[in-house]
């Protein structure tokens, strides 16, 4: 399934990956504590687990430690 966002077509994985990267990039621009954003990111990962590359998820888990 393709998602059209701002005139560009993305696969579901690309779209959610883009949203994840944007959320990470904005961590220093909101008054929201970084811990809360990380918890929200983890929740999003759990919700989209079937779309996430397992190797990339393992890299994220390793980097978090």
C-alpha atoms as a PDB file:
ATOM      1  CA  UNK A   1       0.000   0.000   0.000  1.00  0.00           C
ATOM      2  CA  UNK A   2       1.305   3.437  -0.924  1.00  0.00           C
ATOM      3  CA  UNK A   3       0.732   6.555   1.167  1.00  0.00           C
ATOM      4  CA  UNK A   4       0.670   9.938  -0.540  1.00  0.00           C
ATOM      5  CA  UNK A   5       2.111  12.614   1.727  1.00  0.00           C
ATOM      6  CA  UNK A   6       2.699  16.169   0.538  1.00  0.00           C
ATOM      7  CA  UNK A   7       2.606  15.064  -3.096  1.00  0.00           C
ATOM      8  CA  UNK A   8       5.067  12.183  -2.673  1.00  0.00           C
ATOM      9  CA  UNK A   9       4.267   8.479  -2.625  1.00  0.00           C
ATOM     10  CA  UNK A  10       5.736   6.366   0.155  1.00  0.00           C
ATOM     11  CA  UNK A  11       5.427   2.729   1.130  1.00  0.00           C
ATOM     12  CA  UNK A  12       4.005   2.235   4.623  1.00  0.00           C
ATOM     13  CA  UNK A  13       7.479   1.428   5.943  1.00  0.00           C
ATOM     14  CA  UNK A  14       9.010   4.544   4.367  1.00  0.00           C
ATOM     15  CA  UNK A  15       6.196   6.742   5.688  1.00  0.00           C
ATOM     16  CA  UNK A  16       6.461   5.498   9.277  1.00  0.00           C
ATOM     17  CA  UNK A  17      10.256   5.621   9.079  1.00  0.00           C
ATOM     18  CA  UNK A  18      10.066   9.235   7.950  1.00  0.00           C
ATOM     19  CA  UNK A  19       7.708  10.108  10.799  1.00  0.00           C
ATOM     20  CA  UNK A  20      10.037   8.388  13.267  1.00  0.00           C
ATOM     21  CA  UNK A  21      13.060  10.335  12.020  1.00  0.00           C
ATOM     22  CA  UNK A  22      11.146  13.613  12.162  1.00  0.00           C
ATOM     23  CA  UNK A  23      10.111  12.876  15.763  1.00  0.00           C
ATOM     24  CA  UNK A  24      13.725  12.157  16.701  1.00  0.00           C
ATOM     25  CA  UNK A  25      14.977  15.324  14.989  1.00  0.00           C
ATOM     26  CA  UNK A  26      12.447  17.433  16.888  1.00  0.00           C
ATOM     27  CA  UNK A  27      13.360  16.101  20.344  1.00  0.00           C
ATOM     28  CA  UNK A  28      15.270  19.308  21.152  1.00  0.00           C
ATOM     29  CA  UNK A  29      12.584  21.638  19.770  1.00  0.00           C
ATOM     30  CA  UNK A  30       9.656  20.790  22.018  1.00  0.00           C
ATOM     31  CA  UNK A  31       9.195  21.304  25.733  1.00  0.00           C
ATOM     32  CA  UNK A  32       8.273  17.595  25.893  1.00  0.00           C
ATOM     33  CA  UNK A  33      10.880  15.702  27.925  1.00  0.00           C
ATOM     34  CA  UNK A  34      13.090  13.404  25.864  1.00  0.00           C
ATOM     35  CA  UNK A  35      12.053  10.440  28.052  1.00  0.00           C
ATOM     36  CA  UNK A  36       8.405  10.942  27.051  1.00  0.00           C
ATOM     37  CA  UNK A  37       9.311  11.122  23.356  1.00  0.00           C
ATOM     38  CA  UNK A  38      11.344   7.918  23.630  1.00  0.00           C
ATOM     39  CA  UNK A  39       8.408   6.178  25.303  1.00  0.00           C
ATOM     40  CA  UNK A  40       6.133   7.402  22.508  1.00  0.00           C
ATOM     41  CA  UNK A  41       8.630   6.160  19.897  1.00  0.00           C
ATOM     42  CA  UNK A  42       8.751   2.754  21.557  1.00  0.00           C
ATOM     43  CA  UNK A  43       4.939   2.610  21.546  1.00  0.00           C
ATOM     44  CA  UNK A  44       4.894   3.505  17.859  1.00  0.00           C
ATOM     45  CA  UNK A  45       7.492   0.814  17.137  1.00  0.00           C
ATOM     46  CA  UNK A  46       5.346  -1.745  18.941  1.00  0.00           C
ATOM     47  CA  UNK A  47       2.259  -0.692  16.945  1.00  0.00           C
ATOM     48  CA  UNK A  48       4.141  -0.869  13.630  1.00  0.00           C
ATOM     49  CA  UNK A  49       6.265  -3.924  14.421  1.00  0.00           C
ATOM     50  CA  UNK A  50       5.108  -5.851  11.366  1.00  0.00           C
ATOM     51  CA  UNK A  51       6.367  -3.023   9.097  1.00  0.00           C
ATOM     52  CA  UNK A  52       9.780  -2.633  10.734  1.00  0.00           C
ATOM     53  CA  UNK A  53      12.865  -4.405   9.469  1.00  0.00           C
ATOM     54  CA  UNK A  54      13.946  -6.724  12.295  1.00  0.00           C
ATOM     55  CA  UNK A  55      17.658  -5.989  11.763  1.00  0.00           C
ATOM     56  CA  UNK A  56      17.042  -2.236  12.021  1.00  0.00           C
ATOM     57  CA  UNK A  57      15.004  -2.806  15.188  1.00  0.00           C
ATOM     58  CA  UNK A  58      17.898  -4.750  16.701  1.00  0.00           C
ATOM     59  CA  UNK A  59      20.260  -1.849  15.838  1.00  0.00           C
ATOM     60  CA  UNK A  60      17.881   0.545  17.622  1.00  0.00           C
ATOM     61  CA  UNK A  61      17.671  -1.687  20.694  1.00  0.00           C
ATOM     62  CA  UNK A  62      21.468  -2.042  20.795  1.00  0.00           C
ATOM     63  CA  UNK A  63      21.990   1.719  20.382  1.00  0.00           C
ATOM     64  CA  UNK A  64      19.516   2.456  23.158  1.00  0.00           C
ATOM     65  CA  UNK A  65      21.533   0.347  25.610  1.00  0.00           C
END
